[in-house]
C-alpha cells in the first residue's frame, strides 16, 4: 500500500528533523529522501512553493549521498534544513 501525501510529507520532515537534531545521518536516509521527493513531485496538486523546496532538498540529499563526510554535509546545511522543515509545514 503506497503512503498517502500526508504520510510522505511527515516522513520527509521526520528525516530532516533527525538530520537537524542529530547533526548526522545515513546514506540510506538520503536515498529515502530522494525516493519520497520523486514520489511527491508527480503529485499534480502539489503547491509550486513546495516543489521548489523539494528540489532543494533533493539536491541536498544527492550531495549527502555522494559526500565523503555525510555528517559534515549535514552540519553545513543546518540552517537550510530548519528552513525547509518550517516552510514545508506551512505550505503543505
Protein backbone atom coordinates (compact mmCIF):
# COMPACT_ATOMS: atom_id res chain seq x y z
CA UNK A 1 0.00 0.00 0.00
CA UNK A 2 1.55 3.33 -1.03
CA UNK A 3 1.96 6.11 1.50
CA UNK A 4 -0.51 8.99 1.37
CA UNK A 5 0.69 12.51 0.62
CA UNK A 6 0.42 13.41 4.29
CA UNK A 7 2.47 10.39 5.37
CA UNK A 8 5.12 11.11 2.75
CA UNK A 9 5.46 14.72 3.92
CA UNK A 10 5.55 13.55 7.53
CA UNK A 11 8.32 11.05 6.81
CA UNK A 12 10.26 13.66 4.83
CA UNK A 13 10.10 16.17 7.66
CA UNK A 14 10.94 13.48 10.24
CA UNK A 15 14.15 12.58 8.41
CA UNK A 16 15.09 16.24 8.02
CA UNK A 17 14.32 16.91 11.70
CA UNK A 18 16.56 13.99 12.66
CA UNK A 19 19.37 15.35 10.49
CA UNK A 20 19.00 18.73 12.13
CA UNK A 21 18.74 17.45 15.69
CA UNK A 22 21.40 14.74 15.50
CA UNK A 23 23.74 16.50 13.03
CA UNK A 24 24.29 13.12 11.44
CA UNK A 25 22.54 10.69 9.15
CA UNK A 26 22.98 7.80 6.77
CA UNK A 27 23.23 7.28 3.05
CA UNK A 28 20.05 5.20 3.33
CA UNK A 29 18.23 8.25 4.73
CA UNK A 30 19.45 10.37 1.83
CA UNK A 31 18.23 7.72 -0.60
CA UNK A 32 14.88 7.60 1.22
CA UNK A 33 14.58 11.39 0.90
CA UNK A 34 15.20 11.08 -2.84
CA UNK A 35 12.52 8.38 -3.23
CA UNK A 36 10.00 10.40 -1.20
CA UNK A 37 10.67 13.53 -3.22
CA UNK A 38 10.35 11.72 -6.55
CA UNK A 39 7.02 10.34 -5.39
CA UNK A 40 5.80 13.72 -4.16
CA UNK A 41 6.87 15.56 -7.32
CA UNK A 42 4.50 13.54 -9.52
CA UNK A 43 1.55 14.83 -7.50
CA UNK A 44 -0.08 17.37 -9.82
CA UNK A 45 -1.91 19.14 -7.00
CA UNK A 46 1.24 19.95 -5.03
CA UNK A 47 1.91 23.64 -4.43
CA UNK A 48 4.66 25.22 -6.58
CA UNK A 49 6.34 26.55 -3.44
CA UNK A 50 6.57 23.04 -2.03
CA UNK A 51 8.01 21.78 -5.33
CA UNK A 52 10.79 24.36 -5.13
CA UNK A 53 11.63 23.27 -1.59
CA UNK A 54 11.54 19.61 -2.62
CA UNK A 55 14.00 20.33 -5.43
CA UNK A 56 16.38 21.94 -2.92
CA UNK A 57 16.05 19.00 -0.52
CA UNK A 58 16.63 16.60 -3.41
CA UNK A 59 19.91 18.35 -4.26
CA UNK A 60 20.85 18.26 -0.57
CA UNK A 61 20.16 14.52 -0.38
CA UNK A 62 22.15 13.83 -3.55
CA UNK A 63 25.04 15.83 -2.15
CA UNK A 64 24.82 13.89 1.09
CA UNK A 65 24.64 10.53 -0.64
CA UNK A 66 27.76 11.36 -2.64
CA UNK A 67 29.65 13.09 0.20
CA UNK A 68 32.84 11.63 1.63
CA UNK A 69 31.77 13.05 5.02
CA UNK A 70 27.99 12.94 5.35
CA UNK A 71 27.95 14.34 8.89
CA UNK A 72 29.86 17.45 7.77
CA UNK A 73 27.47 17.83 4.83
CA UNK A 74 24.51 17.70 7.21
CA UNK A 75 26.17 20.10 9.65
CA UNK A 76 26.87 22.62 6.89
CA UNK A 77 23.16 22.65 5.92
CA UNK A 78 21.66 23.11 9.41
CA UNK A 79 20.06 26.49 8.69
CA UNK A 80 18.63 25.30 5.38
CA UNK A 81 17.22 22.13 6.95
CA UNK A 82 15.44 24.17 9.64
CA UNK A 83 14.01 26.49 6.98
CA UNK A 84 12.85 23.60 4.78
CA UNK A 85 11.04 21.91 7.65
CA UNK A 86 9.35 25.17 8.61
CA UNK A 87 8.38 26.00 5.02
CA UNK A 88 7.06 22.52 4.26
CA UNK A 89 4.98 22.64 7.44
CA UNK A 90 3.43 25.95 6.38
CA UNK A 91 2.84 25.08 2.74
CA UNK A 92 1.61 21.50 2.95
